[in-house]
Amino acid sequence: MVILSLSSSFSSYNNKHCLGLKSLQSHQTRVLFDTRKQSISSISYNPLRDVGKKTTMIKKRHGFGAVCYSGPLTPRNLQWVSTISSAVLMLARGTAIHKPFLAPLFALQAPASIVSWIKGEYGIWTAFLALLVRLFFFIPGELEFPFITLLLIIVCPYQITRLRGTQEGVIFSLLIAAYLAFQHFSRAGSLRKAFDQGSIIATLATICIVAVPCLLLI
């Protein structure tokens, strides 16, 4: 009986010892597997990937690229620049250009919304009232050129208005603008005098009416 009890106790001790060894081996295997997994993930980790993601998010958020810089150079915006510059030259006094040439330049480069407004009912009534004022009252010479331009656009035939927005119309505008720029700078005497305080606005407007057709031809 003593031998049986000893053998049973020894077998139970062996079983416990084997179970402890198995649990220890499984724990060591799990730790080794986790260590290898962490080393593999650290090797395959690419920090540039997160930088690329952040850069993409910043680009999407701020929207920089070619679109942000091409917005102000649309043909419509360039037409508005040319129209405002022509109107400034019509009213400016610091230039000796032949101002009647500004009327066809305005008609060729004005945006479609302005041309449609002038040819519409409001434009006709404006021209009619301006004509009545011109008949009975004195109008300064600077205000006559906008009135002539208004009448020119109203009575302009279709064969001329269809040149607007075409390459031929841009070439005509460039020729008129180049001629006016030649007059302005040649009659100013020198480049320094053209940028004097009394004529700097007219000089900047002249540069704009020349630059707009050049940009539209590119």
C-alpha atoms as a PDB file:
ATOM      1  CA  MET A   1       0.000   0.000   0.000  1.00  0.00           C
ATOM      2  CA  VAL A   2       2.882   2.332   0.762  1.00  0.00           C
ATOM      3  CA  ILE A   3       4.390   1.617  -2.642  1.00  0.00           C
ATOM      4  CA  LEU A   4       1.128   2.409  -4.405  1.00  0.00           C
ATOM      5  CA  SER A   5       0.752   5.691  -2.552  1.00  0.00           C
ATOM      6  CA  LEU A   6       4.316   6.698  -3.392  1.00  0.00           C
ATOM      7  CA  SER A   7       3.849   5.803  -7.041  1.00  0.00           C
ATOM      8  CA  SER A   8       0.590   7.721  -7.243  1.00  0.00           C
ATOM      9  CA  SER A   9       2.120  10.759  -5.561  1.00  0.00           C
ATOM     10  CA  PHE A  10       5.139  10.570  -7.863  1.00  0.00           C
ATOM     11  CA  SER A  11       2.917  10.286 -10.946  1.00  0.00           C
ATOM     12  CA  SER A  12       0.806  13.235  -9.827  1.00  0.00           C
ATOM     13  CA  TYR A  13       4.016  15.234  -9.247  1.00  0.00           C
ATOM     14  CA  ASN A  14       5.220  14.324 -12.744  1.00  0.00           C
ATOM     15  CA  ASN A  15       1.909  15.343 -14.251  1.00  0.00           C
ATOM     16  CA  LYS A  16       1.994  18.722 -12.477  1.00  0.00           C
ATOM     17  CA  HIS A  17       5.618  19.202 -13.483  1.00  0.00           C
ATOM     18  CA  CYS A  18       4.808  18.388 -17.148  1.00  0.00           C
ATOM     19  CA  LEU A  19       1.840  20.722 -17.132  1.00  0.00           C
ATOM     20  CA  GLY A  20       4.027  23.494 -15.698  1.00  0.00           C
ATOM     21  CA  LEU A  21       6.665  22.889 -18.370  1.00  0.00           C
ATOM     22  CA  LYS A  22       4.036  22.934 -21.129  1.00  0.00           C
ATOM     23  CA  SER A  23       2.512  26.183 -19.858  1.00  0.00           C
ATOM     24  CA  LEU A  24       5.989  27.718 -19.583  1.00  0.00           C
ATOM     25  CA  GLN A  25       6.857  26.599 -23.118  1.00  0.00           C
ATOM     26  CA  SER A  26       3.576  27.955 -24.506  1.00  0.00           C
ATOM     27  CA  HIS A  27       4.170  31.278 -22.729  1.00  0.00           C
ATOM     28  CA  GLN A  28       7.711  31.484 -24.116  1.00  0.00           C
ATOM     29  CA  THR A  29       6.426  30.635 -27.606  1.00  0.00           C
ATOM     30  CA  ARG A  30       3.764  33.353 -27.350  1.00  0.00           C
ATOM     31  CA  VAL A  31       6.310  35.934 -26.163  1.00  0.00           C
ATOM     32  CA  LEU A  32       8.691  34.977 -28.986  1.00  0.00           C
ATOM     33  CA  PHE A  33       5.877  35.238 -31.559  1.00  0.00           C
ATOM     34  CA  ASP A  34       4.852  38.678 -30.256  1.00  0.00           C
ATOM     35  CA  THR A  35       8.477  39.809 -30.349  1.00  0.00           C
ATOM     36  CA  ARG A  36       8.884  38.659 -33.963  1.00  0.00           C
ATOM     37  CA  LYS A  37       5.594  40.290 -34.910  1.00  0.00           C
ATOM     38  CA  GLN A  38       6.682  43.617 -33.404  1.00  0.00           C
ATOM     39  CA  SER A  39      10.060  43.419 -35.122  1.00  0.00           C
ATOM     40  CA  ILE A  40       8.411  42.687 -38.486  1.00  0.00           C
ATOM     41  CA  SER A  41       5.936  45.539 -38.048  1.00  0.00           C
ATOM     42  CA  SER A  42       8.758  47.905 -37.070  1.00  0.00           C
ATOM     43  CA  ILE A  43      10.762  46.866 -40.126  1.00  0.00           C
ATOM     44  CA  SER A  44       7.804  47.260 -42.485  1.00  0.00           C
ATOM     45  CA  TYR A  45       6.789  50.588 -40.948  1.00  0.00           C
ATOM     46  CA  ASN A  46       7.371  53.432 -43.375  1.00  0.00           C
ATOM     47  CA  PRO A  47       7.286  56.904 -41.796  1.00  0.00           C
ATOM     48  CA  LEU A  48       7.078  58.501 -45.242  1.00  0.00           C
ATOM     49  CA  ARG A  49       3.664  56.917 -45.666  1.00  0.00           C
ATOM     50  CA  ASP A  50       2.202  59.040 -42.875  1.00  0.00           C
ATOM     51  CA  VAL A  51       3.988  62.102 -44.220  1.00  0.00           C
ATOM     52  CA  GLY A  52       2.450  61.457 -47.643  1.00  0.00           C
ATOM     53  CA  LYS A  53      -0.985  61.063 -46.087  1.00  0.00           C
ATOM     54  CA  LYS A  54      -0.591  64.295 -44.128  1.00  0.00           C
ATOM     55  CA  THR A  55       0.647  66.109 -47.213  1.00  0.00           C
ATOM     56  CA  THR A  56      -2.324  64.819 -49.225  1.00  0.00           C
ATOM     57  CA  MET A  57      -4.709  65.943 -46.484  1.00  0.00           C
ATOM     58  CA  ILE A  58      -3.086  69.382 -46.364  1.00  0.00           C
ATOM     59  CA  LYS A  59      -3.317  69.684 -50.142  1.00  0.00           C
ATOM     60  CA  LYS A  60      -6.971  68.693 -50.072  1.00  0.00           C
ATOM     61  CA  ARG A  61      -7.692  71.028 -47.184  1.00  0.00           C
ATOM     62  CA  HIS A  62      -5.914  74.077 -48.536  1.00  0.00           C
ATOM     63  CA  GLY A  63      -6.438  73.158 -52.173  1.00  0.00           C
ATOM     64  CA  PHE A  64      -3.110  74.294 -53.506  1.00  0.00           C
ATOM     65  CA  GLY A  65      -2.066  73.328 -56.972  1.00  0.00           C
ATOM     66  CA  ALA A  66      -2.505  74.782 -60.420  1.00  0.00           C
ATOM     67  CA  VAL A  67      -6.197  75.509 -59.822  1.00  0.00           C
ATOM     68  CA  CYS A  68      -5.562  78.204 -57.203  1.00  0.00           C
ATOM     69  CA  TYR A  69      -3.257  80.156 -59.476  1.00  0.00           C
ATOM     70  CA  SER A  70      -5.203  79.759 -62.692  1.00  0.00           C
ATOM     71  CA  GLY A  71      -8.438  81.200 -61.287  1.00  0.00           C
ATOM     72  CA  PRO A  72      -7.544  84.928 -61.626  1.00  0.00           C
ATOM     73  CA  LEU A  73      -6.298  84.461 -65.251  1.00  0.00           C
ATOM     74  CA  THR A  74      -9.569  83.324 -66.774  1.00  0.00           C
ATOM     75  CA  PRO A  75     -10.672  85.049 -70.006  1.00  0.00           C
ATOM     76  CA  ARG A  76     -13.625  86.635 -68.215  1.00  0.00           C
ATOM     77  CA  ASN A  77     -11.396  88.222 -65.561  1.00  0.00           C
ATOM     78  CA  LEU A  78      -8.983  89.456 -68.226  1.00  0.00           C
ATOM     79  CA  GLN A  79     -11.895  91.046 -70.102  1.00  0.00           C
ATOM     80  CA  TRP A  80     -12.918  92.858 -66.940  1.00  0.00           C
ATOM     81  CA  VAL A  81      -9.351  94.130 -66.477  1.00  0.00           C
ATOM     82  CA  SER A  82      -9.291  95.442 -70.058  1.00  0.00           C
ATOM     83  CA  THR A  83     -12.730  97.041 -69.682  1.00  0.00           C
ATOM     84  CA  ILE A  84     -11.836  98.846 -66.454  1.00  0.00           C
ATOM     85  CA  SER A  85      -8.508  99.986 -67.916  1.00  0.00           C
ATOM     86  CA  SER A  86     -10.232 101.354 -71.028  1.00  0.00           C
ATOM     87  CA  ALA A  87     -12.766 103.212 -68.881  1.00  0.00           C
ATOM     88  CA  VAL A  88      -9.942 104.690 -66.782  1.00  0.00           C
ATOM     89  CA  LEU A  89      -8.143 105.868 -69.927  1.00  0.00           C
ATOM     90  CA  MET A  90     -11.338 107.502 -71.188  1.00  0.00           C
ATOM     91  CA  LEU A  91     -11.542 109.610 -68.043  1.00  0.00           C
ATOM     92  CA  ALA A  92      -7.821 110.073 -67.352  1.00  0.00           C
ATOM     93  CA  ARG A  93      -6.055 113.358 -68.056  1.00  0.00           C
ATOM     94  CA  GLY A  94      -2.425 112.283 -67.702  1.00  0.00           C
ATOM     95  CA  THR A  95      -2.191 110.874 -71.224  1.00  0.00           C
ATOM     96  CA  ALA A  96      -2.118 112.238 -74.776  1.00  0.00           C
ATOM     97  CA  ILE A  97      -3.480 109.186 -76.586  1.00  0.00           C
ATOM     98  CA  HIS A  98      -6.127 109.391 -79.288  1.00  0.00           C
ATOM     99  CA  LYS A  99      -9.101 108.426 -77.094  1.00  0.00           C
ATOM    100  CA  PRO A 100     -11.644 107.600 -79.842  1.00  0.00           C
ATOM    101  CA  PHE A 101      -9.656 104.377 -80.403  1.00  0.00           C
ATOM    102  CA  LEU A 102     -10.751 103.285 -76.951  1.00  0.00           C
ATOM    103  CA  ALA A 103     -14.350 102.871 -78.127  1.00  0.00           C
ATOM    104  CA  PRO A 104     -13.715  99.890 -80.476  1.00  0.00           C
ATOM    105  CA  LEU A 105     -11.264  98.438 -77.958  1.00  0.00           C
ATOM    106  CA  PHE A 106     -13.952  98.584 -75.274  1.00  0.00           C
ATOM    107  CA  ALA A 107     -16.499  97.006 -77.626  1.00  0.00           C
ATOM    108  CA  LEU A 108     -14.153  94.122 -78.501  1.00  0.00           C
ATOM    109  CA  GLN A 109     -12.931  93.362 -74.984  1.00  0.00           C
ATOM    110  CA  ALA A 110     -15.996  94.036 -72.810  1.00  0.00           C
ATOM    111  CA  PRO A 111     -17.569  90.996 -71.103  1.00  0.00           C
ATOM    112  CA  ALA A 112     -20.743  89.553 -72.580  1.00  0.00           C
ATOM    113  CA  SER A 113     -22.813  90.692 -69.581  1.00  0.00           C
ATOM    114  CA  ILE A 114     -21.912  94.356 -70.176  1.00  0.00           C
ATOM    115  CA  VAL A 115     -22.586  94.129 -73.919  1.00  0.00           C
ATOM    116  CA  SER A 116     -25.964  92.476 -73.362  1.00  0.00           C
ATOM    117  CA  TRP A 117     -26.879  95.132 -70.780  1.00  0.00           C
ATOM    118  CA  ILE A 118     -25.936  97.962 -73.160  1.00  0.00           C
ATOM    119  CA  LYS A 119     -27.866  96.405 -76.044  1.00  0.00           C
ATOM    120  CA  GLY A 120     -30.863  95.803 -73.784  1.00  0.00           C
ATOM    121  CA  GLU A 121     -33.590  98.136 -72.644  1.00  0.00           C
ATOM    122  CA  TYR A 122     -31.591  99.731 -69.830  1.00  0.00           C
ATOM    123  CA  GLY A 123     -28.710 100.551 -72.145  1.00  0.00           C
ATOM    124  CA  ILE A 124     -30.983 102.120 -74.734  1.00  0.00           C
ATOM    125  CA  TRP A 125     -32.686 104.277 -72.100  1.00  0.00           C
ATOM    126  CA  THR A 126     -29.277 105.322 -70.744  1.00  0.00           C
ATOM    127  CA  ALA A 127     -28.124 106.348 -74.222  1.00  0.00           C
ATOM    128  CA  PHE A 128     -31.384 108.224 -74.828  1.00  0.00           C
ATOM    129  CA  LEU A 129     -31.109 110.208 -71.596  1.00  0.00           C
ATOM    130  CA  ALA A 130     -27.428 110.928 -72.244  1.00  0.00           C
ATOM    131  CA  LEU A 131     -28.324 112.194 -75.723  1.00  0.00           C
ATOM    132  CA  LEU A 132     -30.967 114.530 -74.270  1.00  0.00           C
ATOM    133  CA  VAL A 133     -28.462 115.912 -71.792  1.00  0.00           C
ATOM    134  CA  ARG A 134     -25.912 116.345 -74.582  1.00  0.00           C
ATOM    135  CA  LEU A 135     -28.405 118.322 -76.694  1.00  0.00           C
ATOM    136  CA  PHE A 136     -29.422 120.827 -74.025  1.00  0.00           C
ATOM    137  CA  PHE A 137     -26.425 120.981 -71.700  1.00  0.00           C
ATOM    138  CA  PHE A 138     -22.670 121.100 -71.946  1.00  0.00           C
ATOM    139  CA  ILE A 139     -20.818 117.854 -71.294  1.00  0.00           C
ATOM    140  CA  PRO A 140     -17.071 117.860 -70.582  1.00  0.00           C
ATOM    141  CA  GLY A 141     -14.863 116.205 -73.171  1.00  0.00           C
ATOM    142  CA  GLU A 142     -13.933 113.318 -70.856  1.00  0.00           C
ATOM    143  CA  LEU A 143     -17.602 112.282 -70.560  1.00  0.00           C
ATOM    144  CA  GLU A 144     -18.215 112.288 -74.309  1.00  0.00           C
ATOM    145  CA  PHE A 145     -16.072 109.215 -74.930  1.00  0.00           C
ATOM    146  CA  PRO A 146     -18.147 106.892 -72.680  1.00  0.00           C
ATOM    147  CA  PHE A 147     -21.273 108.207 -74.402  1.00  0.00           C
ATOM    148  CA  ILE A 148     -19.775 107.537 -77.868  1.00  0.00           C
ATOM    149  CA  THR A 149     -18.746 104.055 -76.750  1.00  0.00           C
ATOM    150  CA  LEU A 150     -22.289 103.382 -75.525  1.00  0.00           C
ATOM    151  CA  LEU A 151     -23.765 104.423 -78.872  1.00  0.00           C
ATOM    152  CA  LEU A 152     -21.152 102.423 -80.783  1.00  0.00           C
ATOM    153  CA  ILE A 153     -22.030  99.200 -78.991  1.00  0.00           C
ATOM    154  CA  ILE A 154     -25.773  99.762 -79.453  1.00  0.00           C
ATOM    155  CA  VAL A 155     -25.572 100.351 -83.214  1.00  0.00           C
ATOM    156  CA  CYS A 156     -22.763  97.870 -83.804  1.00  0.00           C
ATOM    157  CA  PRO A 157     -23.794  95.331 -86.527  1.00  0.00           C
ATOM    158  CA  TYR A 158     -23.680  91.596 -86.069  1.00  0.00           C
ATOM    159  CA  GLN A 159     -20.665  91.166 -88.363  1.00  0.00           C
ATOM    160  CA  ILE A 160     -18.581  93.200 -85.923  1.00  0.00           C
ATOM    161  CA  THR A 161     -19.964  91.825 -82.679  1.00  0.00           C
ATOM    162  CA  ARG A 162     -19.263  88.247 -83.738  1.00  0.00           C
ATOM    163  CA  LEU A 163     -15.527  89.066 -83.617  1.00  0.00           C
ATOM    164  CA  ARG A 164     -15.768  89.266 -79.834  1.00  0.00           C
ATOM    165  CA  GLY A 165     -14.161  86.278 -78.173  1.00  0.00           C
ATOM    166  CA  THR A 166     -12.391  85.134 -81.339  1.00  0.00           C
ATOM    167  CA  GLN A 167      -8.711  85.172 -82.206  1.00  0.00           C
ATOM    168  CA  GLU A 168      -9.273  87.833 -84.874  1.00  0.00           C
ATOM    169  CA  GLY A 169     -10.935  90.117 -82.339  1.00  0.00           C
ATOM    170  CA  VAL A 170      -8.050  89.646 -79.904  1.00  0.00           C
ATOM    171  CA  ILE A 171      -5.539  90.500 -82.657  1.00  0.00           C
ATOM    172  CA  PHE A 172      -7.457  93.686 -83.512  1.00  0.00           C
ATOM    173  CA  SER A 173      -7.530  94.588 -79.833  1.00  0.00           C
ATOM    174  CA  LEU A 174      -3.786  94.006 -79.561  1.00  0.00           C
ATOM    175  CA  LEU A 175      -3.111  96.256 -82.555  1.00  0.00           C
ATOM    176  CA  ILE A 176      -5.247  99.072 -81.116  1.00  0.00           C
ATOM    177  CA  ALA A 177      -3.687  98.687 -77.661  1.00  0.00           C
ATOM    178  CA  ALA A 178      -0.148  98.672 -79.093  1.00  0.00           C
ATOM    179  CA  TYR A 179      -0.876 101.848 -81.058  1.00  0.00           C
ATOM    180  CA  LEU A 180      -2.274 103.577 -77.969  1.00  0.00           C
ATOM    181  CA  ALA A 181       0.723 102.451 -75.891  1.00  0.00           C
ATOM    182  CA  PHE A 182       3.089 103.840 -78.533  1.00  0.00           C
ATOM    183  CA  GLN A 183       1.265 107.161 -78.437  1.00  0.00           C
ATOM    184  CA  HIS A 184       1.273 107.292 -74.660  1.00  0.00           C
ATOM    185  CA  PHE A 185       4.960 106.528 -74.099  1.00  0.00           C
ATOM    186  CA  SER A 186       6.243 108.515 -77.087  1.00  0.00           C
ATOM    187  CA  ARG A 187       4.317 111.645 -76.115  1.00  0.00           C
ATOM    188  CA  ALA A 188       5.301 111.276 -72.467  1.00  0.00           C
ATOM    189  CA  GLY A 189       8.913 111.917 -73.476  1.00  0.00           C
ATOM    190  CA  SER A 190      10.571 109.205 -71.413  1.00  0.00           C
ATOM    191  CA  LEU A 191       9.744 106.172 -69.317  1.00  0.00           C
ATOM    192  CA  ARG A 192      10.377 108.090 -66.113  1.00  0.00           C
ATOM    193  CA  LYS A 193       7.928 110.836 -67.068  1.00  0.00           C
ATOM    194  CA  ALA A 194       5.335 108.196 -67.933  1.00  0.00           C
ATOM    195  CA  PHE A 195       5.423 107.036 -64.297  1.00  0.00           C
ATOM    196  CA  ASP A 196       5.152 110.512 -62.797  1.00  0.00           C
ATOM    197  CA  GLN A 197       2.515 111.212 -60.193  1.00  0.00           C
ATOM    198  CA  GLY A 198       0.167 112.838 -62.690  1.00  0.00           C
ATOM    199  CA  SER A 199       0.243 110.040 -65.286  1.00  0.00           C
ATOM    200  CA  ILE A 200       1.000 106.841 -63.400  1.00  0.00           C
ATOM    201  CA  ILE A 201      -2.655 105.715 -63.441  1.00  0.00           C
ATOM    202  CA  ALA A 202      -2.882 106.208 -67.196  1.00  0.00           C
ATOM    203  CA  THR A 203       0.424 104.376 -67.656  1.00  0.00           C
ATOM    204  CA  LEU A 204      -0.738 101.370 -65.628  1.00  0.00           C
ATOM    205  CA  ALA A 205      -4.029 101.291 -67.535  1.00  0.00           C
ATOM    206  CA  THR A 206      -2.123 101.396 -70.846  1.00  0.00           C
ATOM    207  CA  ILE A 207       0.058  98.482 -69.758  1.00  0.00           C
ATOM    208  CA  CYS A 208      -3.061  96.507 -68.798  1.00  0.00           C
ATOM    209  CA  ILE A 209      -4.813  96.988 -72.153  1.00  0.00           C
ATOM    210  CA  VAL A 210      -1.668  95.730 -73.908  1.00  0.00           C
ATOM    211  CA  ALA A 211      -1.071  92.808 -71.544  1.00  0.00           C
ATOM    212  CA  VAL A 212      -4.636  91.434 -71.693  1.00  0.00           C
ATOM    213  CA  PRO A 213      -4.661  90.609 -75.468  1.00  0.00           C
ATOM    214  CA  CYS A 214      -1.183  89.105 -75.132  1.00  0.00           C
ATOM    215  CA  LEU A 215      -2.387  86.802 -72.352  1.00  0.00           C
ATOM    216  CA  LEU A 216      -5.510  85.869 -74.332  1.00  0.00           C
ATOM    217  CA  LEU A 217      -3.387  84.846 -77.314  1.00  0.00           C
ATOM    218  CA  ILE A 218      -1.205  82.520 -75.226  1.00  0.00           C
END
